[in-house]
Amino acid sequence: MEVLFFLQIRTKFIRAFYAEASFPFTERKRKIEAGEDPFKPLYNEGGEPQFLKEWEEADDALDVLGQMCISMLSSSLQLYLKESVNDLHGRYNSERWQRLALAGLRTTRPPSRKGGSMVPGILPRSARYRPDECPVQSPPA
């Protein structure tokens, strides 16, 4: 299934992107904590740690980057799930789908794909699947 391939490529990209994009921020935090150049501590009588602002900015940047990567991953997973369901509907006519799918939870048709979050609709139904009854083949390990 090419959708699974897309998900794997996209996930690999997101991981590599996070690793590359987070390096300057993690390095800045490490240098501040280790007291390396250009963050060597100077004499300070105040109670506030030196370079606190720079450390917090780097930490905030890492948070934003992480949220951005989670958003990309969420979009990729949503596309994968939608296309997997569409592929499943294409392989099985509605009568066979009703017989095979989800232990009688559906009575007349597959779940609606119009708007809203997919998770509340998919998770309860998928919990009732037994792996040996699932009409979708699992991906190779």
N, C-alpha and C. Protein backbone atom coordinates (compact mmCIF):
# COMPACT_ATOMS: atom_id res chain seq x y z
N MET A 1 0.86 -1.17 0.00
CA MET A 1 0.00 0.00 0.00
C MET A 1 0.90 1.23 0.00
N GLU A 2 0.73 2.10 -1.00
CA GLU A 2 1.59 3.28 -1.10
C GLU A 2 1.34 4.29 0.01
N VAL A 3 0.20 4.23 0.66
CA VAL A 3 -0.08 5.15 1.76
C VAL A 3 0.82 4.83 2.96
N LEU A 4 1.04 3.55 3.21
CA LEU A 4 1.94 3.15 4.29
C LEU A 4 3.36 3.62 3.98
N PHE A 5 3.77 3.48 2.73
CA PHE A 5 5.10 3.96 2.33
C PHE A 5 5.22 5.46 2.57
N PHE A 6 4.18 6.22 2.20
CA PHE A 6 4.17 7.66 2.44
C PHE A 6 4.30 7.96 3.93
N LEU A 7 3.56 7.23 4.76
CA LEU A 7 3.63 7.45 6.21
C LEU A 7 5.03 7.17 6.74
N GLN A 8 5.64 6.09 6.27
CA GLN A 8 6.99 5.77 6.73
C GLN A 8 8.00 6.83 6.31
N ILE A 9 7.91 7.28 5.07
CA ILE A 9 8.83 8.32 4.57
C ILE A 9 8.60 9.62 5.33
N ARG A 10 7.34 9.97 5.53
CA ARG A 10 7.02 11.22 6.23
C ARG A 10 7.50 11.17 7.68
N THR A 11 7.31 10.04 8.34
CA THR A 11 7.77 9.90 9.73
C THR A 11 9.28 9.98 9.81
N LYS A 12 9.96 9.36 8.87
CA LYS A 12 11.42 9.44 8.83
C LYS A 12 11.87 10.88 8.63
N PHE A 13 11.18 11.60 7.74
CA PHE A 13 11.51 13.01 7.51
C PHE A 13 11.30 13.84 8.78
N ILE A 14 10.19 13.62 9.46
CA ILE A 14 9.88 14.40 10.67
C ILE A 14 10.95 14.16 11.74
N ARG A 15 11.35 12.91 11.90
CA ARG A 15 12.42 12.62 12.88
C ARG A 15 13.72 13.32 12.51
N ALA A 16 14.11 13.23 11.23
CA ALA A 16 15.36 13.87 10.79
C ALA A 16 15.25 15.39 10.91
N PHE A 17 14.10 15.93 10.56
CA PHE A 17 13.89 17.37 10.65
C PHE A 17 14.03 17.84 12.09
N TYR A 18 13.41 17.11 13.02
CA TYR A 18 13.50 17.51 14.43
C TYR A 18 14.94 17.43 14.92
N ALA A 19 15.63 16.37 14.56
CA ALA A 19 17.02 16.22 15.00
C ALA A 19 17.90 17.36 14.49
N GLU A 20 17.73 17.72 13.22
CA GLU A 20 18.54 18.80 12.64
C GLU A 20 18.12 20.17 13.16
N ALA A 21 16.83 20.40 13.23
CA ALA A 21 16.35 21.73 13.63
C ALA A 21 16.52 21.98 15.13
N SER A 22 16.53 20.94 15.92
CA SER A 22 16.66 21.13 17.37
C SER A 22 18.11 21.28 17.82
N PHE A 23 19.06 20.89 16.98
CA PHE A 23 20.46 20.91 17.39
C PHE A 23 20.94 22.27 17.89
N PRO A 24 20.68 23.39 17.18
CA PRO A 24 21.17 24.68 17.69
C PRO A 24 20.62 25.03 19.08
N PHE A 25 19.39 24.66 19.33
CA PHE A 25 18.77 25.00 20.61
C PHE A 25 19.29 24.10 21.74
N THR A 26 19.41 22.81 21.47
CA THR A 26 19.96 21.92 22.49
C THR A 26 21.42 22.23 22.76
N GLU A 27 22.14 22.61 21.72
CA GLU A 27 23.55 22.98 21.89
C GLU A 27 23.68 24.26 22.71
N ARG A 28 22.82 25.23 22.46
CA ARG A 28 22.85 26.47 23.25
C ARG A 28 22.57 26.17 24.73
N LYS A 29 21.57 25.35 24.99
CA LYS A 29 21.26 25.00 26.39
C LYS A 29 22.43 24.25 27.03
N ARG A 30 23.06 23.35 26.28
CA ARG A 30 24.19 22.59 26.81
C ARG A 30 25.35 23.51 27.15
N LYS A 31 25.64 24.46 26.25
CA LYS A 31 26.75 25.39 26.49
C LYS A 31 26.47 26.28 27.70
N ILE A 32 25.24 26.71 27.86
CA ILE A 32 24.89 27.53 29.02
C ILE A 32 25.07 26.72 30.30
N GLU A 33 24.58 25.49 30.30
CA GLU A 33 24.68 24.65 31.50
C GLU A 33 26.12 24.28 31.82
N ALA A 34 26.96 24.11 30.77
CA ALA A 34 28.37 23.74 30.98
C ALA A 34 29.27 24.95 31.19
N GLY A 35 28.74 26.15 30.94
CA GLY A 35 29.54 27.36 31.09
C GLY A 35 30.60 27.53 30.02
N GLU A 36 30.32 27.06 28.81
CA GLU A 36 31.26 27.18 27.70
C GLU A 36 31.07 28.50 26.97
N ASP A 37 32.08 28.85 26.14
CA ASP A 37 31.98 30.07 25.32
C ASP A 37 30.77 29.97 24.43
N PRO A 38 30.07 30.99 24.18
CA PRO A 38 30.16 32.37 24.68
C PRO A 38 29.37 32.59 25.96
N PHE A 39 29.09 31.52 26.68
CA PHE A 39 28.26 31.62 27.89
C PHE A 39 29.05 31.37 29.16
N LYS A 40 30.29 31.81 29.19
CA LYS A 40 31.10 31.67 30.41
C LYS A 40 30.52 32.60 31.46
N PRO A 41 30.31 32.09 32.66
CA PRO A 41 29.72 32.93 33.70
C PRO A 41 30.66 34.06 34.11
N LEU A 42 30.10 35.22 34.24
CA LEU A 42 30.83 36.39 34.72
C LEU A 42 30.48 36.59 36.19
N TYR A 43 31.23 37.45 36.83
CA TYR A 43 30.92 37.74 38.23
C TYR A 43 29.53 38.35 38.31
N ASN A 44 28.71 37.81 39.18
CA ASN A 44 27.33 38.27 39.28
C ASN A 44 26.89 38.20 40.73
N GLU A 45 26.47 39.34 41.27
CA GLU A 45 25.99 39.36 42.65
C GLU A 45 24.48 39.14 42.74
N GLY A 46 23.80 39.23 41.61
CA GLY A 46 22.35 39.04 41.59
C GLY A 46 21.99 37.57 41.83
N GLY A 47 20.76 37.35 42.23
CA GLY A 47 20.32 35.99 42.51
C GLY A 47 19.89 35.22 41.27
N GLU A 48 19.62 35.92 40.18
CA GLU A 48 19.15 35.26 38.97
C GLU A 48 20.32 34.63 38.22
N PRO A 49 20.15 33.41 37.74
CA PRO A 49 21.24 32.77 36.99
C PRO A 49 21.55 33.57 35.73
N GLN A 50 22.83 33.59 35.38
CA GLN A 50 23.22 34.28 34.16
C GLN A 50 22.72 33.50 32.96
N PHE A 51 22.43 34.20 31.89
CA PHE A 51 21.98 33.62 30.62
C PHE A 51 20.65 32.88 30.76
N LEU A 52 19.87 33.24 31.77
CA LEU A 52 18.56 32.61 31.95
C LEU A 52 17.65 32.91 30.76
N LYS A 53 17.68 34.14 30.28
CA LYS A 53 16.83 34.53 29.15
C LYS A 53 17.18 33.70 27.92
N GLU A 54 18.46 33.53 27.63
CA GLU A 54 18.89 32.76 26.46
C GLU A 54 18.48 31.29 26.60
N TRP A 55 18.62 30.75 27.82
CA TRP A 55 18.26 29.36 28.05
C TRP A 55 16.75 29.16 27.86
N GLU A 56 15.95 30.10 28.39
CA GLU A 56 14.50 30.00 28.25
C GLU A 56 14.07 30.15 26.80
N GLU A 57 14.72 31.04 26.04
CA GLU A 57 14.40 31.19 24.62
C GLU A 57 14.69 29.90 23.86
N ALA A 58 15.82 29.27 24.15
CA ALA A 58 16.14 28.00 23.50
C ALA A 58 15.14 26.92 23.89
N ASP A 59 14.74 26.90 25.14
CA ASP A 59 13.76 25.92 25.60
C ASP A 59 12.40 26.14 24.94
N ASP A 60 11.99 27.40 24.84
CA ASP A 60 10.72 27.72 24.16
C ASP A 60 10.78 27.34 22.69
N ALA A 61 11.92 27.58 22.05
CA ALA A 61 12.06 27.22 20.64
C ALA A 61 11.95 25.71 20.46
N LEU A 62 12.51 24.94 21.37
CA LEU A 62 12.38 23.48 21.30
C LEU A 62 10.93 23.05 21.47
N ASP A 63 10.20 23.72 22.37
CA ASP A 63 8.78 23.40 22.55
C ASP A 63 7.99 23.67 21.27
N VAL A 64 8.23 24.81 20.65
CA VAL A 64 7.51 25.16 19.42
C VAL A 64 7.86 24.17 18.31
N LEU A 65 9.13 23.84 18.19
CA LEU A 65 9.56 22.88 17.17
C LEU A 65 8.91 21.52 17.41
N GLY A 66 8.86 21.08 18.65
CA GLY A 66 8.21 19.81 18.97
C GLY A 66 6.73 19.82 18.62
N GLN A 67 6.05 20.93 18.93
CA GLN A 67 4.63 21.04 18.59
C GLN A 67 4.42 21.02 17.08
N MET A 68 5.32 21.66 16.35
CA MET A 68 5.21 21.67 14.90
C MET A 68 5.39 20.26 14.34
N CYS A 69 6.35 19.52 14.86
CA CYS A 69 6.58 18.15 14.40
C CYS A 69 5.41 17.24 14.76
N ILE A 70 4.84 17.42 15.94
CA ILE A 70 3.66 16.64 16.33
C ILE A 70 2.49 16.95 15.39
N SER A 71 2.34 18.20 15.00
CA SER A 71 1.28 18.58 14.08
C SER A 71 1.48 17.90 12.72
N MET A 72 2.72 17.89 12.23
CA MET A 72 3.00 17.22 10.96
C MET A 72 2.71 15.73 11.07
N LEU A 73 3.11 15.12 12.18
CA LEU A 73 2.87 13.70 12.38
C LEU A 73 1.37 13.41 12.47
N SER A 74 0.63 14.26 13.15
CA SER A 74 -0.81 14.10 13.26
C SER A 74 -1.48 14.14 11.89
N SER A 75 -1.08 15.09 11.07
CA SER A 75 -1.64 15.19 9.72
C SER A 75 -1.32 13.95 8.90
N SER A 76 -0.10 13.46 9.03
CA SER A 76 0.30 12.27 8.28
C SER A 76 -0.48 11.04 8.74
N LEU A 77 -0.66 10.89 10.04
CA LEU A 77 -1.43 9.76 10.55
C LEU A 77 -2.89 9.85 10.14
N GLN A 78 -3.44 11.05 10.16
CA GLN A 78 -4.84 11.21 9.75
C GLN A 78 -5.01 10.84 8.28
N LEU A 79 -4.09 11.29 7.43
CA LEU A 79 -4.14 10.93 6.02
C LEU A 79 -4.02 9.42 5.84
N TYR A 80 -3.10 8.81 6.58
CA TYR A 80 -2.92 7.36 6.49
C TYR A 80 -4.20 6.62 6.88
N LEU A 81 -4.82 7.03 7.98
CA LEU A 81 -6.04 6.36 8.43
C LEU A 81 -7.18 6.56 7.43
N LYS A 82 -7.34 7.78 6.94
CA LYS A 82 -8.42 8.04 5.97
C LYS A 82 -8.23 7.21 4.71
N GLU A 83 -7.01 7.19 4.19
CA GLU A 83 -6.76 6.45 2.96
C GLU A 83 -6.85 4.94 3.19
N SER A 84 -6.48 4.47 4.35
CA SER A 84 -6.62 3.05 4.67
C SER A 84 -8.10 2.66 4.70
N VAL A 85 -8.92 3.50 5.30
CA VAL A 85 -10.36 3.24 5.32
C VAL A 85 -10.92 3.28 3.91
N ASN A 86 -10.51 4.26 3.11
CA ASN A 86 -10.98 4.34 1.72
C ASN A 86 -10.57 3.10 0.93
N ASP A 87 -9.34 2.65 1.14
CA ASP A 87 -8.86 1.45 0.46
C ASP A 87 -9.66 0.24 0.88
N LEU A 88 -9.97 0.16 2.15
CA LEU A 88 -10.76 -0.95 2.67
C LEU A 88 -12.16 -0.94 2.07
N HIS A 89 -12.75 0.23 1.96
CA HIS A 89 -14.09 0.33 1.36
C HIS A 89 -14.05 -0.07 -0.11
N GLY A 90 -12.96 0.25 -0.78
CA GLY A 90 -12.83 -0.12 -2.19
C GLY A 90 -12.68 -1.61 -2.38
N ARG A 91 -12.05 -2.30 -1.44
CA ARG A 91 -11.82 -3.74 -1.57
C ARG A 91 -13.06 -4.56 -1.24
N TYR A 92 -13.88 -4.05 -0.36
CA TYR A 92 -15.03 -4.83 0.10
C TYR A 92 -16.32 -4.08 -0.22
N ASN A 93 -17.25 -4.79 -0.86
CA ASN A 93 -18.54 -4.15 -1.07
C ASN A 93 -19.24 -4.02 0.27
N SER A 94 -20.31 -3.25 0.32
CA SER A 94 -20.91 -2.94 1.62
C SER A 94 -21.44 -4.18 2.34
N GLU A 95 -21.96 -5.17 1.60
CA GLU A 95 -22.46 -6.37 2.26
C GLU A 95 -21.33 -7.15 2.92
N ARG A 96 -20.25 -7.33 2.20
CA ARG A 96 -19.11 -8.05 2.77
C ARG A 96 -18.48 -7.24 3.90
N TRP A 97 -18.43 -5.92 3.71
CA TRP A 97 -17.87 -5.04 4.75
C TRP A 97 -18.65 -5.20 6.05
N GLN A 98 -19.97 -5.20 5.95
CA GLN A 98 -20.80 -5.33 7.15
C GLN A 98 -20.57 -6.68 7.83
N ARG A 99 -20.38 -7.70 7.03
CA ARG A 99 -20.19 -9.02 7.60
C ARG A 99 -18.84 -9.13 8.30
N LEU A 100 -17.80 -8.52 7.72
CA LEU A 100 -16.45 -8.66 8.26
C LEU A 100 -16.11 -7.64 9.33
N ALA A 101 -16.68 -6.46 9.23
CA ALA A 101 -16.17 -5.33 10.02
C ALA A 101 -16.84 -5.20 11.37
N LEU A 102 -16.04 -5.08 12.38
CA LEU A 102 -16.38 -4.54 13.68
C LEU A 102 -17.55 -5.21 14.40
N ALA A 103 -17.70 -6.48 14.23
CA ALA A 103 -18.62 -7.30 15.03
C ALA A 103 -20.03 -6.71 15.12
N GLY A 104 -20.57 -6.25 14.00
CA GLY A 104 -21.94 -5.80 13.96
C GLY A 104 -22.20 -4.41 14.48
N LEU A 105 -21.17 -3.59 14.65
CA LEU A 105 -21.40 -2.22 15.13
C LEU A 105 -22.05 -1.36 14.06
N ARG A 106 -21.76 -1.65 12.81
CA ARG A 106 -22.38 -0.91 11.71
C ARG A 106 -23.59 -1.70 11.22
N THR A 107 -24.66 -1.00 10.93
CA THR A 107 -25.85 -1.71 10.47
C THR A 107 -26.12 -1.50 8.99
N THR A 108 -25.85 -0.32 8.46
CA THR A 108 -26.18 -0.09 7.06
C THR A 108 -25.02 0.37 6.21
N ARG A 109 -24.04 1.05 6.78
CA ARG A 109 -22.95 1.58 5.96
C ARG A 109 -21.72 1.84 6.82
N PRO A 110 -20.58 2.01 6.17
CA PRO A 110 -19.35 2.34 6.90
C PRO A 110 -19.47 3.71 7.56
N PRO A 111 -18.58 4.04 8.51
CA PRO A 111 -18.67 5.32 9.22
C PRO A 111 -18.52 6.50 8.28
N SER A 112 -19.17 7.58 8.64
CA SER A 112 -19.10 8.80 7.84
C SER A 112 -17.70 9.37 7.91
N ARG A 113 -17.25 9.93 6.78
CA ARG A 113 -15.92 10.52 6.75
C ARG A 113 -16.03 12.03 6.62
N LYS A 114 -17.13 12.60 7.03
CA LYS A 114 -17.34 14.04 6.90
C LYS A 114 -16.97 14.75 8.18
N GLY A 115 -15.94 15.58 8.12
CA GLY A 115 -15.56 16.48 9.21
C GLY A 115 -15.35 15.80 10.55
N GLY A 116 -14.97 16.57 11.51
CA GLY A 116 -14.78 16.07 12.87
C GLY A 116 -13.54 15.23 13.01
N SER A 117 -13.26 14.87 14.22
CA SER A 117 -12.08 14.06 14.52
C SER A 117 -12.37 12.60 14.23
N MET A 118 -11.37 11.91 13.73
CA MET A 118 -11.52 10.50 13.43
C MET A 118 -11.32 9.63 14.67
N VAL A 119 -10.54 10.11 15.62
CA VAL A 119 -10.14 9.27 16.74
C VAL A 119 -11.33 8.76 17.56
N PRO A 120 -12.30 9.61 17.96
CA PRO A 120 -13.41 9.07 18.75
C PRO A 120 -14.22 8.01 18.01
N GLY A 121 -14.25 8.08 16.70
CA GLY A 121 -14.98 7.08 15.94
C GLY A 121 -14.20 5.81 15.69
N ILE A 122 -12.89 5.92 15.56
CA ILE A 122 -12.08 4.76 15.21
C ILE A 122 -11.68 3.95 16.43
N LEU A 123 -11.25 4.60 17.50
CA LEU A 123 -10.72 3.86 18.64
C LEU A 123 -11.72 2.89 19.26
N PRO A 124 -12.96 3.30 19.56
CA PRO A 124 -13.88 2.32 20.16
C PRO A 124 -14.17 1.15 19.23
N ARG A 125 -14.24 1.41 17.95
CA ARG A 125 -14.53 0.34 17.00
C ARG A 125 -13.34 -0.59 16.85
N SER A 126 -12.15 -0.01 16.77
CA SER A 126 -10.98 -0.86 16.58
C SER A 126 -10.69 -1.70 17.81
N ALA A 127 -11.13 -1.26 18.98
CA ALA A 127 -10.90 -2.04 20.20
C ALA A 127 -11.68 -3.35 20.16
N ARG A 128 -12.74 -3.41 19.38
CA ARG A 128 -13.54 -4.63 19.31
C ARG A 128 -13.03 -5.61 18.27
N TYR A 129 -12.08 -5.19 17.45
CA TYR A 129 -11.49 -6.08 16.45
C TYR A 129 -10.64 -7.13 17.12
N ARG A 130 -10.74 -8.32 16.66
CA ARG A 130 -9.77 -9.34 17.03
C ARG A 130 -8.78 -9.40 15.88
N PRO A 131 -7.49 -9.46 16.15
CA PRO A 131 -6.50 -9.41 15.07
C PRO A 131 -6.70 -10.48 14.00
N ASP A 132 -7.19 -11.66 14.37
CA ASP A 132 -7.37 -12.71 13.38
C ASP A 132 -8.59 -12.47 12.49
N GLU A 133 -9.49 -11.55 12.86
CA GLU A 133 -10.67 -11.24 12.06
C GLU A 133 -10.50 -9.98 11.21
N CYS A 134 -9.42 -9.27 11.38
CA CYS A 134 -9.22 -8.00 10.69
C CYS A 134 -9.05 -8.22 9.19
N PRO A 135 -9.82 -7.51 8.34
CA PRO A 135 -9.69 -7.69 6.90
C PRO A 135 -8.46 -7.01 6.31
N VAL A 136 -7.75 -6.21 7.09
CA VAL A 136 -6.58 -5.51 6.59
C VAL A 136 -5.34 -6.28 7.01
N GLN A 137 -4.42 -6.48 6.07
CA GLN A 137 -3.18 -7.17 6.41
C GLN A 137 -2.27 -6.22 7.15
N SER A 138 -1.58 -6.73 8.16
CA SER A 138 -0.64 -5.88 8.89
C SER A 138 0.62 -5.71 8.05
N PRO A 139 1.29 -4.55 8.19
CA PRO A 139 2.50 -4.30 7.41
C PRO A 139 3.63 -5.21 7.86
N PRO A 140 4.54 -5.53 6.94
CA PRO A 140 5.68 -6.36 7.33
C PRO A 140 6.55 -5.63 8.34
N ALA A 141 7.14 -6.37 9.24
CA ALA A 141 7.97 -5.76 10.29
C ALA A 141 9.32 -5.33 9.76
